[in-house]
Amino acid sequence: MTESSSPRVTAEGRLPGDPDRETLLAEIVRVDQAGEYGAKRIYEGQLAVLGKTDVAPALRAMLAQEVEHLGAFNRIMADRAVRPTALEPIWHVAGFALGAATALLGKDAAMACTVAVENVIADHYAEQAAQLGDDEKDLRDTITRFRGDELHHRDVSLEAGAENAPAYPVLTGAISAGTRLAIWLSKKI
């Protein structure tokens, strides 16, 4: 086997200051479980406001996928003995509040929230998949599959009128920044 075709190993070739393999894997599992939990709460908040509207079926379908993702990461977390983020109580409240607040601005704003969150998550999952070697094929495949679901949620939201939300660029920019901060915090805390 030539060097270029040898299996890639997670954290191989890391630089000084980069997390070791076990730390990297724990951070990936912790942040992904936290993110799926937060996404579940966002959709629950949106449904609390928009549960009897024409977007409710789409929101319920997206929520069902997030619940599936959360269940998978809960199992992975338990199997690998990774601790959850200490910020989960905050994400419980913040996720629901974000979902409900954007829904109160109207269904287009709720859809804009989904676009913002799912764009950040799709990029985050792509970065994680690139970090995982062949030794973590199952985890990489799970992340890649879930990334596809998140991109689908974004596309459904765009088709449902997300870009018609008031101050769409400002709204999505703020939500994207908040999502990136939540990712960074959930890896470490």
N, C-alpha and C. Protein backbone atom coordinates (compact mmCIF):
# COMPACT_ATOMS: atom_id res chain seq x y z
N MET A 1 0.85 -1.17 0.00
CA MET A 1 0.00 0.00 0.00
C MET A 1 0.90 1.24 0.00
N THR A 2 0.63 2.16 -0.88
CA THR A 2 1.44 3.37 -0.93
C THR A 2 1.00 4.33 0.16
N GLU A 3 1.87 5.28 0.44
CA GLU A 3 1.58 6.24 1.50
C GLU A 3 0.30 7.01 1.21
N SER A 4 0.04 7.36 -0.03
CA SER A 4 -1.14 8.15 -0.36
C SER A 4 -2.43 7.35 -0.23
N SER A 5 -2.34 6.02 -0.28
CA SER A 5 -3.56 5.22 -0.17
C SER A 5 -3.70 4.57 1.20
N SER A 6 -2.82 4.88 2.13
CA SER A 6 -2.93 4.30 3.46
C SER A 6 -4.11 4.94 4.20
N PRO A 7 -4.73 4.18 5.09
CA PRO A 7 -5.88 4.72 5.81
C PRO A 7 -5.51 5.95 6.62
N ARG A 8 -6.39 6.91 6.60
CA ARG A 8 -6.20 8.13 7.38
C ARG A 8 -6.68 7.87 8.80
N VAL A 9 -5.91 8.35 9.78
CA VAL A 9 -6.22 8.14 11.19
C VAL A 9 -6.62 9.48 11.82
N THR A 10 -7.66 9.45 12.64
CA THR A 10 -8.12 10.65 13.31
C THR A 10 -7.01 11.24 14.16
N ALA A 11 -6.81 12.55 14.04
CA ALA A 11 -5.83 13.35 14.80
C ALA A 11 -4.39 13.06 14.39
N GLU A 12 -4.21 12.28 13.34
CA GLU A 12 -2.88 12.04 12.83
C GLU A 12 -2.38 13.35 12.19
N GLY A 13 -1.14 13.69 12.47
CA GLY A 13 -0.60 14.91 11.89
C GLY A 13 -1.07 16.17 12.58
N ARG A 14 -1.58 16.04 13.80
CA ARG A 14 -2.04 17.23 14.52
C ARG A 14 -0.85 18.11 14.87
N LEU A 15 -1.14 19.37 15.03
CA LEU A 15 -0.12 20.36 15.34
C LEU A 15 -0.07 20.62 16.84
N PRO A 16 1.04 21.21 17.32
CA PRO A 16 1.08 21.56 18.75
C PRO A 16 -0.11 22.46 19.09
N GLY A 17 -0.74 22.14 20.19
CA GLY A 17 -1.91 22.90 20.61
C GLY A 17 -3.22 22.28 20.15
N ASP A 18 -3.17 21.42 19.13
CA ASP A 18 -4.37 20.72 18.69
C ASP A 18 -4.73 19.66 19.73
N PRO A 19 -6.02 19.38 19.90
CA PRO A 19 -6.40 18.33 20.85
C PRO A 19 -5.90 16.96 20.40
N ASP A 20 -5.61 16.11 21.38
CA ASP A 20 -5.25 14.73 21.03
C ASP A 20 -6.50 14.00 20.54
N ARG A 21 -6.34 12.79 20.07
CA ARG A 21 -7.43 12.03 19.46
C ARG A 21 -8.63 11.91 20.40
N GLU A 22 -8.40 11.50 21.63
CA GLU A 22 -9.50 11.28 22.57
C GLU A 22 -10.22 12.59 22.91
N THR A 23 -9.48 13.65 23.09
CA THR A 23 -10.10 14.95 23.37
C THR A 23 -10.91 15.42 22.18
N LEU A 24 -10.34 15.28 20.98
CA LEU A 24 -11.06 15.69 19.77
C LEU A 24 -12.37 14.92 19.63
N LEU A 25 -12.32 13.61 19.82
CA LEU A 25 -13.53 12.80 19.68
C LEU A 25 -14.57 13.17 20.75
N ALA A 26 -14.12 13.41 21.97
CA ALA A 26 -15.05 13.80 23.02
C ALA A 26 -15.71 15.14 22.69
N GLU A 27 -14.92 16.09 22.18
CA GLU A 27 -15.48 17.39 21.80
C GLU A 27 -16.49 17.26 20.68
N ILE A 28 -16.18 16.42 19.69
CA ILE A 28 -17.10 16.22 18.57
C ILE A 28 -18.43 15.66 19.06
N VAL A 29 -18.37 14.61 19.86
CA VAL A 29 -19.60 13.98 20.34
C VAL A 29 -20.36 14.94 21.25
N ARG A 30 -19.67 15.62 22.16
CA ARG A 30 -20.33 16.54 23.08
C ARG A 30 -21.04 17.67 22.35
N VAL A 31 -20.34 18.31 21.42
CA VAL A 31 -20.93 19.46 20.73
C VAL A 31 -22.07 19.02 19.80
N ASP A 32 -21.94 17.86 19.19
CA ASP A 32 -23.01 17.40 18.29
C ASP A 32 -24.26 17.02 19.07
N GLN A 33 -24.08 16.37 20.22
CA GLN A 33 -25.25 16.05 21.04
C GLN A 33 -25.91 17.34 21.52
N ALA A 34 -25.11 18.30 21.94
CA ALA A 34 -25.66 19.58 22.40
C ALA A 34 -26.38 20.30 21.27
N GLY A 35 -25.81 20.27 20.09
CA GLY A 35 -26.42 20.93 18.94
C GLY A 35 -27.74 20.31 18.55
N GLU A 36 -27.81 19.00 18.57
CA GLU A 36 -29.07 18.33 18.23
C GLU A 36 -30.12 18.60 19.30
N TYR A 37 -29.68 18.68 20.56
CA TYR A 37 -30.61 19.03 21.63
C TYR A 37 -31.13 20.46 21.43
N GLY A 38 -30.23 21.38 21.11
CA GLY A 38 -30.64 22.76 20.87
C GLY A 38 -31.59 22.87 19.68
N ALA A 39 -31.31 22.13 18.62
CA ALA A 39 -32.18 22.15 17.44
C ALA A 39 -33.58 21.63 17.78
N LYS A 40 -33.63 20.57 18.56
CA LYS A 40 -34.92 20.03 19.01
C LYS A 40 -35.70 21.12 19.74
N ARG A 41 -35.03 21.83 20.62
CA ARG A 41 -35.71 22.88 21.40
C ARG A 41 -36.14 24.05 20.51
N ILE A 42 -35.35 24.40 19.50
CA ILE A 42 -35.75 25.47 18.58
C ILE A 42 -37.06 25.10 17.88
N TYR A 43 -37.12 23.87 17.34
CA TYR A 43 -38.34 23.45 16.65
C TYR A 43 -39.52 23.36 17.61
N GLU A 44 -39.29 22.93 18.85
CA GLU A 44 -40.38 22.90 19.82
C GLU A 44 -40.89 24.31 20.09
N GLY A 45 -39.99 25.28 20.18
CA GLY A 45 -40.40 26.67 20.37
C GLY A 45 -41.19 27.19 19.18
N GLN A 46 -40.73 26.87 17.98
CA GLN A 46 -41.45 27.31 16.79
C GLN A 46 -42.84 26.68 16.72
N LEU A 47 -42.92 25.40 17.05
CA LEU A 47 -44.22 24.73 17.01
C LEU A 47 -45.17 25.24 18.09
N ALA A 48 -44.64 25.70 19.21
CA ALA A 48 -45.50 26.27 20.25
C ALA A 48 -46.26 27.49 19.73
N VAL A 49 -45.66 28.19 18.78
CA VAL A 49 -46.29 29.39 18.22
C VAL A 49 -46.99 29.08 16.90
N LEU A 50 -46.36 28.25 16.07
CA LEU A 50 -46.86 28.02 14.71
C LEU A 50 -47.50 26.64 14.51
N GLY A 51 -47.84 25.99 15.60
CA GLY A 51 -48.34 24.62 15.54
C GLY A 51 -49.64 24.41 14.78
N LYS A 52 -50.36 25.46 14.52
CA LYS A 52 -51.64 25.34 13.80
C LYS A 52 -51.60 26.10 12.47
N THR A 53 -50.41 26.30 11.93
CA THR A 53 -50.27 27.02 10.67
C THR A 53 -49.87 26.07 9.55
N ASP A 54 -49.77 26.61 8.35
CA ASP A 54 -49.42 25.78 7.20
C ASP A 54 -47.97 25.29 7.23
N VAL A 55 -47.10 25.88 8.05
CA VAL A 55 -45.71 25.40 8.13
C VAL A 55 -45.53 24.33 9.21
N ALA A 56 -46.57 24.07 10.00
CA ALA A 56 -46.46 23.10 11.08
C ALA A 56 -46.02 21.71 10.61
N PRO A 57 -46.58 21.18 9.51
CA PRO A 57 -46.12 19.85 9.08
C PRO A 57 -44.62 19.81 8.76
N ALA A 58 -44.10 20.84 8.13
CA ALA A 58 -42.66 20.88 7.83
C ALA A 58 -41.86 20.97 9.13
N LEU A 59 -42.32 21.79 10.06
CA LEU A 59 -41.62 21.91 11.34
C LEU A 59 -41.64 20.59 12.10
N ARG A 60 -42.76 19.89 12.08
CA ARG A 60 -42.85 18.59 12.76
C ARG A 60 -41.91 17.57 12.12
N ALA A 61 -41.83 17.59 10.80
CA ALA A 61 -40.93 16.66 10.11
C ALA A 61 -39.46 16.95 10.45
N MET A 62 -39.10 18.23 10.49
CA MET A 62 -37.73 18.59 10.84
C MET A 62 -37.45 18.23 12.30
N LEU A 63 -38.41 18.47 13.19
CA LEU A 63 -38.25 18.11 14.59
C LEU A 63 -38.03 16.60 14.73
N ALA A 64 -38.80 15.81 14.00
CA ALA A 64 -38.65 14.36 14.08
C ALA A 64 -37.23 13.92 13.70
N GLN A 65 -36.66 14.55 12.69
CA GLN A 65 -35.28 14.20 12.31
C GLN A 65 -34.30 14.63 13.39
N GLU A 66 -34.52 15.79 14.00
CA GLU A 66 -33.62 16.25 15.07
C GLU A 66 -33.71 15.31 16.27
N VAL A 67 -34.90 14.81 16.57
CA VAL A 67 -35.06 13.86 17.67
C VAL A 67 -34.30 12.57 17.35
N GLU A 68 -34.35 12.13 16.09
CA GLU A 68 -33.58 10.96 15.67
C GLU A 68 -32.08 11.22 15.84
N HIS A 69 -31.62 12.37 15.39
CA HIS A 69 -30.20 12.72 15.52
C HIS A 69 -29.79 12.76 16.99
N LEU A 70 -30.62 13.38 17.82
CA LEU A 70 -30.32 13.48 19.25
C LEU A 70 -30.22 12.09 19.87
N GLY A 71 -31.13 11.21 19.52
CA GLY A 71 -31.08 9.85 20.04
C GLY A 71 -29.79 9.14 19.66
N ALA A 72 -29.36 9.34 18.42
CA ALA A 72 -28.11 8.72 17.97
C ALA A 72 -26.93 9.26 18.76
N PHE A 73 -26.88 10.58 18.93
CA PHE A 73 -25.75 11.15 19.68
C PHE A 73 -25.83 10.82 21.17
N ASN A 74 -27.02 10.66 21.72
CA ASN A 74 -27.13 10.21 23.11
C ASN A 74 -26.53 8.81 23.25
N ARG A 75 -26.80 7.93 22.29
CA ARG A 75 -26.22 6.58 22.34
C ARG A 75 -24.71 6.62 22.17
N ILE A 76 -24.23 7.41 21.21
CA ILE A 76 -22.78 7.52 20.98
C ILE A 76 -22.11 8.07 22.24
N MET A 77 -22.72 9.07 22.85
CA MET A 77 -22.17 9.68 24.06
C MET A 77 -22.05 8.64 25.17
N ALA A 78 -23.10 7.84 25.36
CA ALA A 78 -23.08 6.81 26.40
C ALA A 78 -22.04 5.73 26.07
N ASP A 79 -22.00 5.28 24.82
CA ASP A 79 -21.04 4.24 24.42
C ASP A 79 -19.60 4.67 24.63
N ARG A 80 -19.33 5.95 24.42
CA ARG A 80 -17.96 6.47 24.51
C ARG A 80 -17.66 7.13 25.86
N ALA A 81 -18.62 7.11 26.75
CA ALA A 81 -18.47 7.71 28.08
C ALA A 81 -18.02 9.18 27.98
N VAL A 82 -18.69 9.93 27.10
CA VAL A 82 -18.42 11.35 26.95
C VAL A 82 -19.44 12.11 27.78
N ARG A 83 -18.96 13.07 28.54
CA ARG A 83 -19.88 13.86 29.36
C ARG A 83 -20.61 14.87 28.48
N PRO A 84 -21.86 15.17 28.82
CA PRO A 84 -22.57 16.22 28.07
C PRO A 84 -22.04 17.59 28.43
N THR A 85 -22.40 18.57 27.65
CA THR A 85 -22.03 19.94 27.98
C THR A 85 -22.72 20.37 29.27
N ALA A 86 -22.02 21.12 30.07
CA ALA A 86 -22.61 21.67 31.28
C ALA A 86 -23.61 22.78 30.96
N LEU A 87 -23.64 23.20 29.70
CA LEU A 87 -24.52 24.29 29.28
C LEU A 87 -25.90 23.81 28.84
N GLU A 88 -26.17 22.52 28.95
CA GLU A 88 -27.46 22.01 28.48
C GLU A 88 -28.66 22.73 29.08
N PRO A 89 -28.66 23.08 30.37
CA PRO A 89 -29.82 23.83 30.89
C PRO A 89 -30.01 25.19 30.19
N ILE A 90 -28.91 25.80 29.80
CA ILE A 90 -29.01 27.07 29.06
C ILE A 90 -29.56 26.82 27.67
N TRP A 91 -29.06 25.77 27.00
CA TRP A 91 -29.55 25.47 25.65
C TRP A 91 -31.02 25.06 25.68
N HIS A 92 -31.45 24.47 26.79
CA HIS A 92 -32.86 24.10 26.94
C HIS A 92 -33.75 25.35 26.83
N VAL A 93 -33.38 26.37 27.55
CA VAL A 93 -34.16 27.61 27.56
C VAL A 93 -33.89 28.43 26.30
N ALA A 94 -32.61 28.59 25.95
CA ALA A 94 -32.25 29.45 24.81
C ALA A 94 -32.79 28.90 23.50
N GLY A 95 -32.72 27.59 23.31
CA GLY A 95 -33.23 27.01 22.07
C GLY A 95 -34.72 27.25 21.91
N PHE A 96 -35.48 26.96 22.96
CA PHE A 96 -36.92 27.18 22.89
C PHE A 96 -37.23 28.66 22.68
N ALA A 97 -36.53 29.52 23.41
CA ALA A 97 -36.76 30.97 23.29
C ALA A 97 -36.46 31.46 21.87
N LEU A 98 -35.36 30.99 21.29
CA LEU A 98 -35.03 31.39 19.92
C LEU A 98 -36.11 30.93 18.95
N GLY A 99 -36.53 29.70 19.08
CA GLY A 99 -37.59 29.20 18.20
C GLY A 99 -38.88 29.97 18.36
N ALA A 100 -39.31 30.18 19.59
CA ALA A 100 -40.57 30.90 19.83
C ALA A 100 -40.47 32.35 19.40
N ALA A 101 -39.36 33.00 19.70
CA ALA A 101 -39.20 34.42 19.35
C ALA A 101 -39.23 34.64 17.84
N THR A 102 -38.52 33.79 17.12
CA THR A 102 -38.53 33.97 15.66
C THR A 102 -39.91 33.63 15.10
N ALA A 103 -40.58 32.65 15.67
CA ALA A 103 -41.93 32.31 15.21
C ALA A 103 -42.91 33.45 15.49
N LEU A 104 -42.72 34.14 16.60
CA LEU A 104 -43.58 35.28 16.91
C LEU A 104 -43.40 36.41 15.90
N LEU A 105 -42.24 36.47 15.26
CA LEU A 105 -42.01 37.45 14.19
C LEU A 105 -42.70 37.03 12.89
N GLY A 106 -43.17 35.79 12.84
CA GLY A 106 -43.86 35.28 11.66
C GLY A 106 -43.18 34.03 11.11
N LYS A 107 -43.92 33.31 10.29
CA LYS A 107 -43.37 32.05 9.78
C LYS A 107 -42.12 32.26 8.94
N ASP A 108 -42.03 33.37 8.21
CA ASP A 108 -40.82 33.62 7.41
C ASP A 108 -39.60 33.78 8.32
N ALA A 109 -39.76 34.45 9.45
CA ALA A 109 -38.65 34.62 10.38
C ALA A 109 -38.27 33.28 11.02
N ALA A 110 -39.26 32.45 11.30
CA ALA A 110 -38.96 31.11 11.83
C ALA A 110 -38.15 30.32 10.81
N MET A 111 -38.53 30.42 9.56
CA MET A 111 -37.80 29.73 8.51
C MET A 111 -36.39 30.32 8.33
N ALA A 112 -36.27 31.63 8.50
CA ALA A 112 -34.95 32.27 8.42
C ALA A 112 -34.05 31.77 9.54
N CYS A 113 -34.62 31.56 10.71
CA CYS A 113 -33.87 31.00 11.83
C CYS A 113 -33.31 29.63 11.45
N THR A 114 -34.14 28.81 10.85
CA THR A 114 -33.71 27.49 10.44
C THR A 114 -32.59 27.58 9.41
N VAL A 115 -32.73 28.46 8.44
CA VAL A 115 -31.67 28.64 7.43
C VAL A 115 -30.35 28.99 8.10
N ALA A 116 -30.38 29.95 9.01
CA ALA A 116 -29.16 30.40 9.67
C ALA A 116 -28.50 29.27 10.47
N VAL A 117 -29.30 28.60 11.28
CA VAL A 117 -28.76 27.53 12.12
C VAL A 117 -28.24 26.39 11.26
N GLU A 118 -29.02 25.96 10.29
CA GLU A 118 -28.64 24.79 9.49
C GLU A 118 -27.43 25.07 8.61
N ASN A 119 -27.27 26.29 8.12
CA ASN A 119 -26.06 26.62 7.35
C ASN A 119 -24.81 26.46 8.21
N VAL A 120 -24.86 26.98 9.43
CA VAL A 120 -23.72 26.86 10.33
C VAL A 120 -23.47 25.40 10.69
N ILE A 121 -24.52 24.66 10.98
CA ILE A 121 -24.37 23.25 11.36
C ILE A 121 -23.83 22.44 10.19
N ALA A 122 -24.30 22.69 8.99
CA ALA A 122 -23.80 21.96 7.83
C ALA A 122 -22.30 22.19 7.65
N ASP A 123 -21.86 23.43 7.79
CA ASP A 123 -20.42 23.73 7.70
C ASP A 123 -19.66 23.03 8.83
N HIS A 124 -20.22 23.08 10.03
CA HIS A 124 -19.60 22.46 11.21
C HIS A 124 -19.46 20.94 11.00
N TYR A 125 -20.51 20.30 10.52
CA TYR A 125 -20.45 18.86 10.27
C TYR A 125 -19.44 18.52 9.18
N ALA A 126 -19.35 19.35 8.15
CA ALA A 126 -18.36 19.10 7.09
C ALA A 126 -16.94 19.18 7.65
N GLU A 127 -16.68 20.16 8.51
CA GLU A 127 -15.36 20.29 9.14
C GLU A 127 -15.06 19.07 10.00
N GLN A 128 -16.05 18.62 10.75
CA GLN A 128 -15.84 17.44 11.59
C GLN A 128 -15.56 16.20 10.75
N ALA A 129 -16.33 16.00 9.71
CA ALA A 129 -16.14 14.82 8.86
C ALA A 129 -14.73 14.81 8.28
N ALA A 130 -14.21 15.99 7.93
CA ALA A 130 -12.86 16.08 7.39
C ALA A 130 -11.80 15.77 8.44
N GLN A 131 -12.11 15.98 9.71
CA GLN A 131 -11.17 15.69 10.79
C GLN A 131 -11.12 14.22 11.14
N LEU A 132 -12.17 13.49 10.81
CA LEU A 132 -12.26 12.09 11.21
C LEU A 132 -11.61 11.19 10.17
N GLY A 133 -10.77 10.30 10.66
CA GLY A 133 -10.09 9.37 9.78
C GLY A 133 -10.90 8.12 9.53
N ASP A 134 -10.27 7.19 8.82
CA ASP A 134 -10.92 5.92 8.51
C ASP A 134 -11.18 5.09 9.76
N ASP A 135 -10.42 5.35 10.82
CA ASP A 135 -10.64 4.66 12.09
C ASP A 135 -11.95 5.08 12.75
N GLU A 136 -12.55 6.16 12.29
CA GLU A 136 -13.83 6.64 12.82
C GLU A 136 -14.87 6.73 11.70
N LYS A 137 -14.85 5.73 10.83
CA LYS A 137 -15.75 5.72 9.67
C LYS A 137 -17.22 5.79 10.09
N ASP A 138 -17.61 5.02 11.10
CA ASP A 138 -19.02 5.01 11.51
C ASP A 138 -19.47 6.39 12.00
N LEU A 139 -18.65 7.04 12.81
CA LEU A 139 -18.99 8.37 13.29
C LEU A 139 -19.01 9.37 12.13
N ARG A 140 -18.03 9.27 11.26
CA ARG A 140 -17.97 10.16 10.09
C ARG A 140 -19.20 9.97 9.20
N ASP A 141 -19.60 8.72 8.98
CA ASP A 141 -20.78 8.44 8.16
C ASP A 141 -22.06 8.98 8.80
N THR A 142 -22.16 8.87 10.13
CA THR A 142 -23.32 9.41 10.84
C THR A 142 -23.38 10.92 10.67
N ILE A 143 -22.26 11.58 10.89
CA ILE A 143 -22.20 13.04 10.77
C ILE A 143 -22.53 13.47 9.33
N THR A 144 -22.01 12.75 8.37
CA THR A 144 -22.27 13.08 6.96
C THR A 144 -23.75 12.91 6.62
N ARG A 145 -24.36 11.85 7.12
CA ARG A 145 -25.79 11.62 6.87
C ARG A 145 -26.62 12.71 7.53
N PHE A 146 -26.30 13.06 8.77
CA PHE A 146 -27.04 14.10 9.46
C PHE A 146 -26.85 15.45 8.78
N ARG A 147 -25.66 15.69 8.25
CA ARG A 147 -25.41 16.94 7.51
C ARG A 147 -26.38 17.05 6.33
N GLY A 148 -26.61 15.94 5.65
CA GLY A 148 -27.57 15.94 4.55
C GLY A 148 -28.96 16.32 5.01
N ASP A 149 -29.37 15.82 6.17
CA ASP A 149 -30.68 16.18 6.74
C ASP A 149 -30.74 17.67 7.05
N GLU A 150 -29.66 18.21 7.61
CA GLU A 150 -29.64 19.63 7.98
C GLU A 150 -29.72 20.50 6.72
N LEU A 151 -29.02 20.12 5.68
CA LEU A 151 -29.11 20.86 4.41
C LEU A 151 -30.52 20.80 3.84
N HIS A 152 -31.17 19.66 4.00
CA HIS A 152 -32.56 19.53 3.54
C HIS A 152 -33.46 20.48 4.33
N HIS A 153 -33.25 20.58 5.66
CA HIS A 153 -34.04 21.51 6.48
C HIS A 153 -33.85 22.94 5.99
N ARG A 154 -32.61 23.30 5.68
CA ARG A 154 -32.33 24.64 5.15
C ARG A 154 -33.08 24.87 3.85
N ASP A 155 -33.03 23.89 2.95
CA ASP A 155 -33.68 24.04 1.65
C ASP A 155 -35.20 24.15 1.78
N VAL A 156 -35.78 23.35 2.66
CA VAL A 156 -37.23 23.42 2.91
C VAL A 156 -37.59 24.82 3.42
N SER A 157 -36.76 25.35 4.30
CA SER A 157 -37.02 26.67 4.88
C SER A 157 -36.89 27.78 3.85
N LEU A 158 -35.93 27.66 2.96
CA LEU A 158 -35.79 28.64 1.88
C LEU A 158 -37.02 28.59 0.97
N GLU A 159 -37.47 27.39 0.63
CA GLU A 159 -38.65 27.24 -0.22
C GLU A 159 -39.91 27.78 0.47
N ALA A 160 -39.92 27.74 1.81
CA ALA A 160 -41.09 28.20 2.56
C ALA A 160 -41.09 29.71 2.78
N GLY A 161 -40.09 30.42 2.27
CA GLY A 161 -40.12 31.88 2.33
C GLY A 161 -39.18 32.53 3.32
N ALA A 162 -38.16 31.83 3.76
CA ALA A 162 -37.23 32.39 4.75
C ALA A 162 -36.68 33.75 4.35
N GLU A 163 -36.36 33.92 3.09
CA GLU A 163 -35.74 35.17 2.64
C GLU A 163 -36.71 36.36 2.64
N ASN A 164 -38.00 36.08 2.88
CA ASN A 164 -38.99 37.15 2.99
C ASN A 164 -39.09 37.71 4.41
N ALA A 165 -38.33 37.14 5.33
CA ALA A 165 -38.38 37.61 6.71
C ALA A 165 -37.90 39.05 6.79
N PRO A 166 -38.48 39.82 7.71
CA PRO A 166 -38.00 41.20 7.89
C PRO A 166 -36.53 41.19 8.29
N ALA A 167 -35.74 42.06 7.67
CA ALA A 167 -34.31 42.19 7.98
C ALA A 167 -33.59 40.85 7.91
N TYR A 168 -33.90 40.07 6.87
CA TYR A 168 -33.34 38.73 6.70
C TYR A 168 -31.83 38.68 6.92
N PRO A 169 -31.03 39.55 6.27
CA PRO A 169 -29.58 39.45 6.46
C PRO A 169 -29.14 39.70 7.91
N VAL A 170 -29.81 40.63 8.57
CA VAL A 170 -29.47 40.94 9.96
C VAL A 170 -29.88 39.78 10.87
N LEU A 171 -31.09 39.30 10.67
CA LEU A 171 -31.61 38.21 11.48
C LEU A 171 -30.76 36.96 11.33
N THR A 172 -30.48 36.55 10.10
CA THR A 172 -29.69 35.34 9.90
C THR A 172 -28.24 35.53 10.34
N GLY A 173 -27.71 36.73 10.17
CA GLY A 173 -26.35 36.99 10.63
C GLY A 173 -26.22 36.86 12.13
N ALA A 174 -27.19 37.41 12.86
CA ALA A 174 -27.16 37.33 14.32
C ALA A 174 -27.33 35.89 14.79
N ILE A 175 -28.25 35.17 14.19
CA ILE A 175 -28.49 33.78 14.60
C ILE A 175 -27.28 32.91 14.24
N SER A 176 -26.68 33.15 13.10
CA SER A 176 -25.47 32.40 12.71
C SER A 176 -24.34 32.64 13.71
N ALA A 177 -24.13 33.89 14.10
CA ALA A 177 -23.07 34.20 15.06
C ALA A 177 -23.35 33.53 16.41
N GLY A 178 -24.59 33.57 16.83
CA GLY A 178 -24.95 32.91 18.09
C GLY A 178 -24.75 31.40 18.02
N THR A 179 -25.06 30.81 16.88
CA THR A 179 -24.87 29.37 16.71
C THR A 179 -23.40 29.00 16.75
N ARG A 180 -22.56 29.81 16.08
CA ARG A 180 -21.11 29.54 16.13
C ARG A 180 -20.57 29.66 17.55
N LEU A 181 -21.07 30.63 18.32
CA LEU A 181 -20.65 30.76 19.71
C LEU A 181 -21.09 29.57 20.53
N ALA A 182 -22.32 29.12 20.33
CA ALA A 182 -22.82 27.95 21.07
C ALA A 182 -21.99 26.71 20.76
N ILE A 183 -21.57 26.56 19.52
CA ILE A 183 -20.71 25.43 19.14
C ILE A 183 -19.39 25.50 19.90
N TRP A 184 -18.77 26.65 19.86
CA TRP A 184 -17.47 26.81 20.51
C TRP A 184 -17.57 26.52 22.01
N LEU A 185 -18.59 27.07 22.66
CA LEU A 185 -18.76 26.87 24.09
C LEU A 185 -19.06 25.42 24.43
N SER A 186 -19.91 24.76 23.63
CA SER A 186 -20.32 23.40 23.94
C SER A 186 -19.19 22.39 23.78
N LYS A 187 -18.20 22.67 22.97
CA LYS A 187 -17.05 21.78 22.84
C LYS A 187 -16.29 21.70 24.15
N LYS A 188 -16.15 22.82 24.82
CA LYS A 188 -15.25 22.93 25.96
C LYS A 188 -15.92 22.82 27.32
N ILE A 189 -17.15 23.32 27.41
CA ILE A 189 -17.78 23.43 28.73
C ILE A 189 -18.79 22.29 28.95
